[in-house]
N, C-alpha and C. Protein backbone atom coordinates (compact mmCIF):
# COMPACT_ATOMS: atom_id res chain seq x y z
N MET A 1 32.44 84.18 -15.00
CA MET A 1 31.37 84.32 -15.58
C MET A 1 32.40 85.35 -17.24
N GLU A 2 31.05 85.00 -17.91
CA GLU A 2 31.63 85.88 -19.19
C GLU A 2 30.02 86.23 -19.56
N LYS A 3 30.75 88.02 -20.26
CA LYS A 3 29.57 88.02 -20.75
C LYS A 3 29.92 88.14 -22.72
N GLU A 4 29.20 87.75 -23.24
CA GLU A 4 28.85 87.01 -24.40
C GLU A 4 28.29 88.66 -24.97
N GLU A 5 29.27 89.07 -25.96
CA GLU A 5 28.11 90.24 -26.84
C GLU A 5 27.38 89.83 -28.15
N THR A 6 26.27 89.92 -28.13
CA THR A 6 25.93 89.78 -28.95
C THR A 6 25.53 90.72 -30.26
N SER A 7 25.00 90.64 -31.72
CA SER A 7 25.27 91.83 -32.13
C SER A 7 23.95 92.79 -32.04
N ASN A 8 23.15 92.69 -31.22
CA ASN A 8 21.88 93.53 -30.74
C ASN A 8 22.29 93.90 -29.43
N ASP A 9 22.32 94.87 -29.07
CA ASP A 9 22.89 95.78 -27.74
C ASP A 9 21.66 95.69 -26.65
N LYS A 10 20.33 95.31 -27.33
CA LYS A 10 19.12 95.28 -26.31
C LYS A 10 18.93 93.97 -25.89
N GLU A 11 20.03 92.61 -26.38
CA GLU A 11 19.60 91.22 -25.94
C GLU A 11 20.56 90.98 -25.97
N PRO A 12 21.10 91.50 -24.35
CA PRO A 12 22.81 91.28 -24.27
C PRO A 12 22.60 89.59 -23.76
N VAL A 13 23.53 88.67 -23.82
CA VAL A 13 23.54 87.27 -23.32
C VAL A 13 24.77 87.23 -22.33
N ILE A 14 24.25 86.35 -21.00
CA ILE A 14 25.36 85.88 -20.00
C ILE A 14 25.37 85.22 -19.78
N LYS A 15 26.76 84.37 -20.32
CA LYS A 15 26.78 83.14 -20.02
C LYS A 15 27.96 82.59 -19.24
N PHE A 16 27.92 81.51 -18.42
CA PHE A 16 28.46 80.91 -17.09
C PHE A 16 28.38 79.88 -17.33
N ALA A 17 29.73 79.06 -16.90
CA ALA A 17 30.38 77.59 -17.08
C ALA A 17 30.18 76.89 -16.06
N VAL A 18 29.47 75.81 -16.19
CA VAL A 18 28.84 75.07 -15.20
C VAL A 18 29.49 73.59 -14.78
N ARG A 19 29.50 72.90 -13.55
CA ARG A 19 29.92 71.74 -13.44
C ARG A 19 29.03 70.90 -12.35
N GLY A 20 28.78 69.29 -12.76
CA GLY A 20 28.36 69.20 -11.40
C GLY A 20 29.07 67.79 -11.73
N THR A 21 28.19 66.63 -10.94
CA THR A 21 28.89 65.36 -10.70
C THR A 21 28.61 64.49 -11.47
N LEU A 22 27.44 65.36 -12.36
CA LEU A 22 27.23 64.42 -13.80
C LEU A 22 27.91 64.74 -14.83
N GLY A 23 28.62 65.84 -15.27
CA GLY A 23 29.28 66.53 -16.80
C GLY A 23 28.90 68.22 -15.95
N ASN A 24 29.49 68.41 -17.50
CA ASN A 24 29.46 70.05 -17.45
C ASN A 24 28.74 70.62 -18.19
N GLY A 25 28.96 72.05 -18.84
CA GLY A 25 28.40 72.66 -19.95
C GLY A 25 28.44 74.17 -19.96
N LEU A 26 27.53 74.78 -20.54
CA LEU A 26 27.46 76.40 -19.72
C LEU A 26 26.24 76.25 -19.62
N PHE A 27 25.49 77.81 -18.99
CA PHE A 27 23.92 78.14 -18.62
C PHE A 27 24.63 79.40 -19.38
N TYR A 28 23.27 79.85 -20.37
CA TYR A 28 22.93 81.50 -20.72
C TYR A 28 21.75 81.57 -20.07
N ILE A 29 22.28 83.06 -19.63
CA ILE A 29 20.93 84.05 -19.38
C ILE A 29 20.53 85.00 -20.77
N LYS A 30 19.89 84.88 -20.96
CA LYS A 30 19.58 85.16 -22.66
C LYS A 30 18.32 86.97 -21.91
N THR A 31 18.54 88.00 -21.93
CA THR A 31 18.40 89.20 -21.70
C THR A 31 16.89 89.91 -23.22
N LYS A 32 16.61 90.85 -22.62
CA LYS A 32 15.67 91.50 -23.61
C LYS A 32 15.94 93.03 -22.85
N CYS A 33 15.95 94.47 -22.86
CA CYS A 33 15.93 95.87 -22.92
C CYS A 33 14.77 96.37 -23.26
N ASP A 34 14.28 96.89 -22.68
CA ASP A 34 13.18 97.98 -23.30
C ASP A 34 13.88 99.45 -23.27
N SER A 35 14.88 99.50 -22.24
CA SER A 35 15.43 100.87 -22.35
C SER A 35 17.04 101.08 -21.91
N GLU A 36 17.41 101.54 -21.51
CA GLU A 36 18.64 101.65 -20.66
C GLU A 36 18.90 100.68 -19.23
N ASN A 37 17.72 101.23 -18.62
CA ASN A 37 17.58 100.98 -17.20
C ASN A 37 16.26 99.69 -17.10
N ASP A 38 16.04 99.08 -18.10
CA ASP A 38 14.78 98.40 -18.17
C ASP A 38 14.84 97.33 -18.95
N CYS A 39 15.93 96.27 -17.49
CA CYS A 39 15.95 94.77 -18.84
C CYS A 39 15.01 93.58 -18.34
N TYR A 40 15.14 92.03 -18.51
CA TYR A 40 14.20 91.42 -18.10
C TYR A 40 14.59 90.67 -18.21
N ILE A 41 14.88 89.16 -17.87
CA ILE A 41 15.48 87.74 -18.49
C ILE A 41 14.13 87.29 -19.42
N ASN A 42 14.57 87.17 -20.16
CA ASN A 42 13.93 86.45 -21.32
C ASN A 42 14.04 85.05 -21.47
N ARG A 43 15.01 84.40 -21.26
CA ARG A 43 15.44 83.26 -21.34
C ARG A 43 16.52 82.46 -20.89
N CYS A 44 16.38 80.92 -20.50
CA CYS A 44 17.62 80.79 -19.19
C CYS A 44 17.82 79.25 -20.91
N GLU A 45 18.44 78.86 -21.37
CA GLU A 45 19.51 77.63 -21.33
C GLU A 45 20.63 77.13 -21.03
N LEU A 46 20.90 75.65 -21.26
CA LEU A 46 21.69 74.91 -20.44
C LEU A 46 22.57 73.86 -21.59
N ALA A 47 23.44 74.23 -22.17
CA ALA A 47 24.58 73.79 -22.96
C ALA A 47 24.80 72.51 -22.24
N ILE A 48 24.53 70.95 -22.43
CA ILE A 48 25.60 70.62 -21.83
C ILE A 48 26.71 69.88 -22.67
N LYS A 49 27.85 69.81 -22.19
CA LYS A 49 29.33 69.84 -22.91
C LYS A 49 29.75 68.30 -22.29
N GLU A 50 29.82 67.48 -21.85
CA GLU A 50 30.23 66.68 -21.22
C GLU A 50 29.02 65.79 -20.43
N THR A 51 28.62 64.81 -19.98
CA THR A 51 28.23 63.75 -19.06
C THR A 51 28.42 62.60 -19.64
N PRO A 52 28.58 61.43 -18.69
CA PRO A 52 28.73 60.04 -18.79
C PRO A 52 27.34 59.05 -18.70
N VAL A 53 25.79 60.20 -18.40
CA VAL A 53 24.55 59.86 -18.36
C VAL A 53 23.44 59.92 -19.39
N LEU A 54 24.51 60.24 -20.83
CA LEU A 54 23.58 60.73 -22.01
C LEU A 54 24.48 60.32 -23.45
N LYS A 55 23.80 59.79 -24.37
CA LYS A 55 25.22 59.65 -25.13
C LYS A 55 25.55 61.32 -25.65
N PRO A 56 26.29 61.31 -27.14
CA PRO A 56 27.01 62.48 -27.76
C PRO A 56 25.69 63.09 -28.38
N GLU A 57 25.16 62.03 -28.98
CA GLU A 57 24.17 62.77 -30.01
C GLU A 57 22.72 63.06 -28.92
N GLU A 58 22.74 63.15 -27.75
CA GLU A 58 21.60 63.20 -27.18
C GLU A 58 21.06 64.28 -27.16
N TYR A 59 22.96 64.95 -26.73
CA TYR A 59 23.00 66.57 -26.24
C TYR A 59 24.21 67.25 -27.04
N GLU A 60 24.25 66.44 -27.95
CA GLU A 60 25.61 67.70 -28.79
C GLU A 60 24.79 68.94 -29.66
N ASP A 61 25.18 70.08 -29.35
CA ASP A 61 24.49 70.98 -30.43
C ASP A 61 23.04 71.35 -30.22
N LYS A 62 22.33 70.93 -28.38
CA LYS A 62 21.48 70.94 -27.98
C LYS A 62 21.43 71.83 -26.83
N PHE A 63 20.15 72.44 -27.03
CA PHE A 63 19.68 73.24 -25.14
C PHE A 63 18.69 73.06 -24.83
N LEU A 64 19.54 72.60 -23.52
CA LEU A 64 17.80 72.08 -22.85
C LEU A 64 16.73 73.90 -22.31
N VAL A 65 16.14 73.95 -22.34
CA VAL A 65 15.92 75.23 -22.12
C VAL A 65 14.94 74.68 -20.61
N ILE A 66 15.50 76.07 -19.76
CA ILE A 66 15.37 75.98 -18.30
C ILE A 66 14.03 77.12 -17.60
N TYR A 67 14.27 77.95 -18.52
CA TYR A 67 13.67 78.95 -18.55
C TYR A 67 12.87 79.48 -19.41
N ASP A 68 11.35 80.52 -20.25
CA ASP A 68 11.04 80.93 -20.90
C ASP A 68 10.41 81.78 -20.72
N ARG A 69 10.33 83.00 -20.94
CA ARG A 69 9.42 84.31 -20.41
C ARG A 69 8.04 83.70 -21.37
N GLN A 70 8.32 83.68 -22.69
CA GLN A 70 6.67 83.14 -23.59
C GLN A 70 6.10 82.39 -22.78
N ARG A 71 6.68 81.46 -22.67
CA ARG A 71 5.88 80.01 -22.45
C ARG A 71 5.51 80.24 -20.91
N GLN A 72 6.17 81.27 -19.88
CA GLN A 72 6.08 80.79 -18.66
C GLN A 72 5.83 81.85 -17.75
N GLY A 73 5.81 83.46 -18.34
CA GLY A 73 4.96 84.15 -17.97
C GLY A 73 6.46 84.99 -17.32
N PRO A 74 6.29 86.19 -16.88
CA PRO A 74 7.11 87.09 -15.61
C PRO A 74 8.21 85.99 -14.78
N ILE A 75 9.33 86.35 -14.81
CA ILE A 75 10.00 85.68 -13.22
C ILE A 75 8.97 86.27 -12.00
N HIS A 76 8.51 85.79 -10.92
CA HIS A 76 7.58 85.92 -9.74
C HIS A 76 8.27 86.81 -9.22
N ASN A 77 8.69 87.71 -8.69
CA ASN A 77 9.73 89.15 -8.42
C ASN A 77 10.18 90.15 -8.90
N GLU A 78 9.41 89.86 -10.70
CA GLU A 78 9.91 90.55 -12.12
C GLU A 78 8.19 91.69 -11.40
N LYS A 79 8.76 92.97 -11.75
CA LYS A 79 8.19 94.35 -11.69
C LYS A 79 6.88 94.56 -12.52
N ASN A 80 7.66 93.84 -14.01
CA ASN A 80 6.65 93.75 -15.11
C ASN A 80 5.60 92.61 -14.97
């Protein structure tokens, strides 16, 4: 696991390397913090790095949105 620092400490990003039977990539969890102790997941994205299923131009420099708080609302068990 690797934490990627951003220019804004109120929006930290956590990046995981992921691997499956059909490829590998990076999974990003983008968070927002309203205060020091009140943070929530804002968006999750997958960046595919290698797969035999798609052509490189179909996934290079693109992100697959897994979760977007603005579109889907708060996560089920979230207090807000």
